[in-house]
């Protein structure tokens, strides 16, 4: 059976989609795209990609996070791993639990007021997001990883291969 090599890119910037698509197609992946959360959910349901690459900020500051939350809650698409493309700084740790690390950063006076914490364990690759909603509620969830903007082609390919294979 052929492995699923379909990747969904959800981003409101067509240039970002075009660059990632060119890199991934060269590596033999099939690429589909969506310009926002609603179209992304529709394509996730209909196209059944092996992986989704999500932008954080689209029509709202947290649209990518909201899309990820819907993916996690939806039994039809919750198995699809996802990466976030972002220009937000990523905080790294070697702690076993990225959630523990996020909680520690929330207590640190230098970081506690940040709306968004992106945390990654450099030892095992686990990653997560902790963000505050507009009403101040803290939401934590694991992610497949992060891609810094502008996208580095080698990092993109390595992260995709790490999550879904060649």
C-alpha atoms as a PDB file:
ATOM      1  CA  UNK A   1       0.000   0.000   0.000  1.00  0.00           C
ATOM      2  CA  UNK A   2       1.299   3.441  -0.917  1.00  0.00           C
ATOM      3  CA  UNK A   3       1.928   5.708   2.025  1.00  0.00           C
ATOM      4  CA  UNK A   4       0.018   8.957   2.209  1.00  0.00           C
ATOM      5  CA  UNK A   5       2.365  11.749   1.138  1.00  0.00           C
ATOM      6  CA  UNK A   6      -0.292  14.463   1.029  1.00  0.00           C
ATOM      7  CA  UNK A   7       0.477  17.622   3.008  1.00  0.00           C
ATOM      8  CA  UNK A   8      -1.981  20.420   3.733  1.00  0.00           C
ATOM      9  CA  UNK A   9      -0.583  23.932   4.146  1.00  0.00           C
ATOM     10  CA  UNK A  10      -2.940  26.411   5.825  1.00  0.00           C
ATOM     11  CA  UNK A  11      -1.712  29.982   5.438  1.00  0.00           C
ATOM     12  CA  UNK A  12      -3.171  33.290   4.262  1.00  0.00           C
ATOM     13  CA  UNK A  13       0.110  34.229   2.519  1.00  0.00           C
ATOM     14  CA  UNK A  14       0.221  32.709  -0.983  1.00  0.00           C
ATOM     15  CA  UNK A  15       3.985  33.309  -1.218  1.00  0.00           C
ATOM     16  CA  UNK A  16       4.604  31.164   1.877  1.00  0.00           C
ATOM     17  CA  UNK A  17       2.405  28.417   0.405  1.00  0.00           C
ATOM     18  CA  UNK A  18       4.209  28.582  -2.952  1.00  0.00           C
ATOM     19  CA  UNK A  19       7.687  28.332  -1.383  1.00  0.00           C
ATOM     20  CA  UNK A  20       6.769  25.394   0.875  1.00  0.00           C
ATOM     21  CA  UNK A  21       4.915  23.680  -1.964  1.00  0.00           C
ATOM     22  CA  UNK A  22       7.928  23.943  -4.313  1.00  0.00           C
ATOM     23  CA  UNK A  23      10.250  22.461  -1.653  1.00  0.00           C
ATOM     24  CA  UNK A  24       7.883  19.622  -0.742  1.00  0.00           C
ATOM     25  CA  UNK A  25       6.918  18.700  -4.334  1.00  0.00           C
ATOM     26  CA  UNK A  26      10.618  18.398  -5.177  1.00  0.00           C
ATOM     27  CA  UNK A  27      10.826  15.808  -2.361  1.00  0.00           C
ATOM     28  CA  UNK A  28       7.905  13.822  -3.790  1.00  0.00           C
ATOM     29  CA  UNK A  29       5.089  15.050  -1.552  1.00  0.00           C
ATOM     30  CA  UNK A  30       1.651  16.057  -2.812  1.00  0.00           C
ATOM     31  CA  UNK A  31       0.682  19.513  -1.525  1.00  0.00           C
ATOM     32  CA  UNK A  32      -2.765  20.989  -1.044  1.00  0.00           C
ATOM     33  CA  UNK A  33      -3.490  24.370   0.516  1.00  0.00           C
ATOM     34  CA  UNK A  34      -6.123  26.379   2.333  1.00  0.00           C
ATOM     35  CA  UNK A  35      -6.235  30.085   3.161  1.00  0.00           C
ATOM     36  CA  UNK A  36      -7.862  29.942   6.592  1.00  0.00           C
ATOM     37  CA  UNK A  37      -9.373  27.870   9.392  1.00  0.00           C
ATOM     38  CA  UNK A  38     -12.711  26.979   7.779  1.00  0.00           C
ATOM     39  CA  UNK A  39     -11.189  25.965   4.439  1.00  0.00           C
ATOM     40  CA  UNK A  40      -8.469  24.101   6.357  1.00  0.00           C
ATOM     41  CA  UNK A  41     -11.015  22.021   8.285  1.00  0.00           C
ATOM     42  CA  UNK A  42     -12.891  21.248   5.075  1.00  0.00           C
ATOM     43  CA  UNK A  43      -9.695  20.078   3.333  1.00  0.00           C
ATOM     44  CA  UNK A  44      -8.630  18.053   6.388  1.00  0.00           C
ATOM     45  CA  UNK A  45     -11.961  16.190   6.278  1.00  0.00           C
ATOM     46  CA  UNK A  46     -12.141  15.738   2.501  1.00  0.00           C
ATOM     47  CA  UNK A  47      -8.494  15.265   1.513  1.00  0.00           C
ATOM     48  CA  UNK A  48      -7.233  13.226   4.508  1.00  0.00           C
ATOM     49  CA  UNK A  49      -3.657  14.588   4.444  1.00  0.00           C
ATOM     50  CA  UNK A  50      -0.821  12.824   6.271  1.00  0.00           C
ATOM     51  CA  UNK A  51       0.304  16.137   7.786  1.00  0.00           C
ATOM     52  CA  UNK A  52      -0.873  19.741   8.163  1.00  0.00           C
ATOM     53  CA  UNK A  53       1.390  22.789   8.311  1.00  0.00           C
ATOM     54  CA  UNK A  54      -0.418  25.682   9.986  1.00  0.00           C
ATOM     55  CA  UNK A  55       0.262  29.400  10.108  1.00  0.00           C
ATOM     56  CA  UNK A  56      -0.472  30.972  13.499  1.00  0.00           C
ATOM     57  CA  UNK A  57      -1.768  34.404  12.460  1.00  0.00           C
ATOM     58  CA  UNK A  58      -4.250  34.570   9.617  1.00  0.00           C
ATOM     59  CA  UNK A  59      -7.499  36.562   9.826  1.00  0.00           C
ATOM     60  CA  UNK A  60      -7.060  36.647  13.613  1.00  0.00           C
ATOM     61  CA  UNK A  61      -3.990  36.464  15.864  1.00  0.00           C
ATOM     62  CA  UNK A  62      -4.787  32.926  16.997  1.00  0.00           C
ATOM     63  CA  UNK A  63      -6.580  31.421  14.003  1.00  0.00           C
ATOM     64  CA  UNK A  64      -3.922  28.714  13.613  1.00  0.00           C
ATOM     65  CA  UNK A  65      -4.221  27.791  17.297  1.00  0.00           C
ATOM     66  CA  UNK A  66      -8.006  27.671  16.962  1.00  0.00           C
ATOM     67  CA  UNK A  67      -7.665  25.371  13.950  1.00  0.00           C
ATOM     68  CA  UNK A  68      -5.325  23.098  15.914  1.00  0.00           C
ATOM     69  CA  UNK A  69      -7.821  22.963  18.798  1.00  0.00           C
ATOM     70  CA  UNK A  70     -10.585  21.940  16.392  1.00  0.00           C
ATOM     71  CA  UNK A  71      -8.327  19.255  14.910  1.00  0.00           C
ATOM     72  CA  UNK A  72      -7.559  17.844  18.367  1.00  0.00           C
ATOM     73  CA  UNK A  73     -11.258  17.751  19.345  1.00  0.00           C
ATOM     74  CA  UNK A  74     -12.550  16.312  16.052  1.00  0.00           C
ATOM     75  CA  UNK A  75     -12.433  12.485  15.916  1.00  0.00           C
ATOM     76  CA  UNK A  76     -12.279  12.534  12.079  1.00  0.00           C
ATOM     77  CA  UNK A  77      -9.086  14.595  11.908  1.00  0.00           C
ATOM     78  CA  UNK A  78      -7.448  14.346  15.352  1.00  0.00           C
ATOM     79  CA  UNK A  79      -4.868  11.802  14.134  1.00  0.00           C
ATOM     80  CA  UNK A  80      -3.369  14.246  11.612  1.00  0.00           C
ATOM     81  CA  UNK A  81      -0.052  15.553  12.985  1.00  0.00           C
ATOM     82  CA  UNK A  82       0.651  19.241  12.515  1.00  0.00           C
ATOM     83  CA  UNK A  83       3.526  21.699  12.478  1.00  0.00           C
ATOM     84  CA  UNK A  84       3.282  25.436  13.067  1.00  0.00           C
ATOM     85  CA  UNK A  85       5.024  27.998  10.863  1.00  0.00           C
ATOM     86  CA  UNK A  86       5.790  31.012  12.969  1.00  0.00           C
ATOM     87  CA  UNK A  87       8.028  33.994  13.514  1.00  0.00           C
ATOM     88  CA  UNK A  88       7.403  33.774  17.290  1.00  0.00           C
ATOM     89  CA  UNK A  89      10.499  32.814  19.303  1.00  0.00           C
ATOM     90  CA  UNK A  90      10.632  29.189  20.413  1.00  0.00           C
ATOM     91  CA  UNK A  91      11.712  28.484  24.000  1.00  0.00           C
ATOM     92  CA  UNK A  92      13.776  25.317  24.314  1.00  0.00           C
ATOM     93  CA  UNK A  93      14.349  22.885  27.154  1.00  0.00           C
ATOM     94  CA  UNK A  94      15.801  19.489  27.959  1.00  0.00           C
ATOM     95  CA  UNK A  95      13.133  18.889  30.621  1.00  0.00           C
ATOM     96  CA  UNK A  96      11.154  15.712  30.105  1.00  0.00           C
ATOM     97  CA  UNK A  97       7.846  17.605  30.156  1.00  0.00           C
ATOM     98  CA  UNK A  98       7.283  20.602  27.895  1.00  0.00           C
ATOM     99  CA  UNK A  99       4.106  21.283  29.876  1.00  0.00           C
ATOM    100  CA  UNK A 100       6.175  21.578  33.063  1.00  0.00           C
ATOM    101  CA  UNK A 101       8.470  23.973  31.259  1.00  0.00           C
ATOM    102  CA  UNK A 102       5.556  26.090  30.031  1.00  0.00           C
ATOM    103  CA  UNK A 103       4.218  26.338  33.591  1.00  0.00           C
ATOM    104  CA  UNK A 104       7.660  27.408  34.848  1.00  0.00           C
ATOM    105  CA  UNK A 105       7.880  30.103  32.160  1.00  0.00           C
ATOM    106  CA  UNK A 106       4.381  31.320  33.117  1.00  0.00           C
ATOM    107  CA  UNK A 107       5.704  31.919  36.678  1.00  0.00           C
ATOM    108  CA  UNK A 108       8.903  33.661  35.469  1.00  0.00           C
ATOM    109  CA  UNK A 109       8.524  37.491  35.594  1.00  0.00           C
ATOM    110  CA  UNK A 110      10.360  37.760  32.254  1.00  0.00           C
ATOM    111  CA  UNK A 111       7.884  35.498  30.438  1.00  0.00           C
ATOM    112  CA  UNK A 112       4.633  35.360  32.439  1.00  0.00           C
ATOM    113  CA  UNK A 113       3.017  38.202  30.492  1.00  0.00           C
ATOM    114  CA  UNK A 114       3.679  36.688  27.070  1.00  0.00           C
ATOM    115  CA  UNK A 115       0.456  35.843  25.269  1.00  0.00           C
ATOM    116  CA  UNK A 116       2.080  32.877  23.528  1.00  0.00           C
ATOM    117  CA  UNK A 117       4.730  30.419  24.659  1.00  0.00           C
ATOM    118  CA  UNK A 118       6.119  27.976  22.100  1.00  0.00           C
ATOM    119  CA  UNK A 119       8.156  25.307  23.894  1.00  0.00           C
ATOM    120  CA  UNK A 120      10.293  22.523  22.471  1.00  0.00           C
ATOM    121  CA  UNK A 121      12.341  19.796  24.112  1.00  0.00           C
ATOM    122  CA  UNK A 122      15.610  19.729  22.154  1.00  0.00           C
ATOM    123  CA  UNK A 123      16.449  16.238  23.456  1.00  0.00           C
ATOM    124  CA  UNK A 124      13.367  14.357  22.233  1.00  0.00           C
ATOM    125  CA  UNK A 125      11.673  16.811  19.832  1.00  0.00           C
ATOM    126  CA  UNK A 126       8.412  17.074  21.788  1.00  0.00           C
ATOM    127  CA  UNK A 127       6.792  20.477  21.427  1.00  0.00           C
ATOM    128  CA  UNK A 128       3.771  22.368  22.680  1.00  0.00           C
ATOM    129  CA  UNK A 129       1.977  25.686  22.757  1.00  0.00           C
ATOM    130  CA  UNK A 130       0.675  27.562  25.768  1.00  0.00           C
ATOM    131  CA  UNK A 131      -1.332  30.644  24.864  1.00  0.00           C
ATOM    132  CA  UNK A 132      -3.663  33.011  26.656  1.00  0.00           C
ATOM    133  CA  UNK A 133      -7.062  33.657  25.122  1.00  0.00           C
ATOM    134  CA  UNK A 134      -8.540  37.165  25.069  1.00  0.00           C
ATOM    135  CA  UNK A 135     -10.330  36.406  28.350  1.00  0.00           C
ATOM    136  CA  UNK A 136      -6.992  35.430  29.972  1.00  0.00           C
ATOM    137  CA  UNK A 137      -7.546  31.668  29.981  1.00  0.00           C
ATOM    138  CA  UNK A 138      -4.370  29.643  29.410  1.00  0.00           C
ATOM    139  CA  UNK A 139      -4.635  26.897  26.779  1.00  0.00           C
ATOM    140  CA  UNK A 140      -1.930  24.229  26.456  1.00  0.00           C
ATOM    141  CA  UNK A 141      -1.656  21.588  23.740  1.00  0.00           C
ATOM    142  CA  UNK A 142       1.067  19.429  22.191  1.00  0.00           C
ATOM    143  CA  UNK A 143       2.182  19.995  18.582  1.00  0.00           C
ATOM    144  CA  UNK A 144       4.354  18.100  16.115  1.00  0.00           C
ATOM    145  CA  UNK A 145       6.897  20.909  15.981  1.00  0.00           C
ATOM    146  CA  UNK A 146       7.675  24.380  14.704  1.00  0.00           C
ATOM    147  CA  UNK A 147       9.040  25.863  11.501  1.00  0.00           C
ATOM    148  CA  UNK A 148      10.613  29.312  11.813  1.00  0.00           C
ATOM    149  CA  UNK A 149       9.674  31.866   9.164  1.00  0.00           C
ATOM    150  CA  UNK A 150      11.194  32.371   6.702  1.00  0.00           C
ATOM    151  CA  UNK A 151      11.158  28.636   6.119  1.00  0.00           C
ATOM    152  CA  UNK A 152      14.504  26.888   5.836  1.00  0.00           C
ATOM    153  CA  UNK A 153      14.111  24.194   3.122  1.00  0.00           C
ATOM    154  CA  UNK A 154      16.266  21.636   4.960  1.00  0.00           C
ATOM    155  CA  UNK A 155      14.386  22.093   8.239  1.00  0.00           C
ATOM    156  CA  UNK A 156      11.034  21.813   6.454  1.00  0.00           C
ATOM    157  CA  UNK A 157      11.992  18.519   4.798  1.00  0.00           C
ATOM    158  CA  UNK A 158      13.539  17.081   7.983  1.00  0.00           C
ATOM    159  CA  UNK A 159      10.482  17.952  10.088  1.00  0.00           C
ATOM    160  CA  UNK A 160       8.082  16.473   7.518  1.00  0.00           C
ATOM    161  CA  UNK A 161      10.167  13.289   7.294  1.00  0.00           C
ATOM    162  CA  UNK A 162      10.319  13.076  11.100  1.00  0.00           C
ATOM    163  CA  UNK A 163       6.526  13.170  11.355  1.00  0.00           C
ATOM    164  CA  UNK A 164       5.363  11.163   8.330  1.00  0.00           C
ATOM    165  CA  UNK A 165       8.415   9.540   6.726  1.00  0.00           C
ATOM    166  CA  UNK A 166       9.943   9.906   3.286  1.00  0.00           C
END
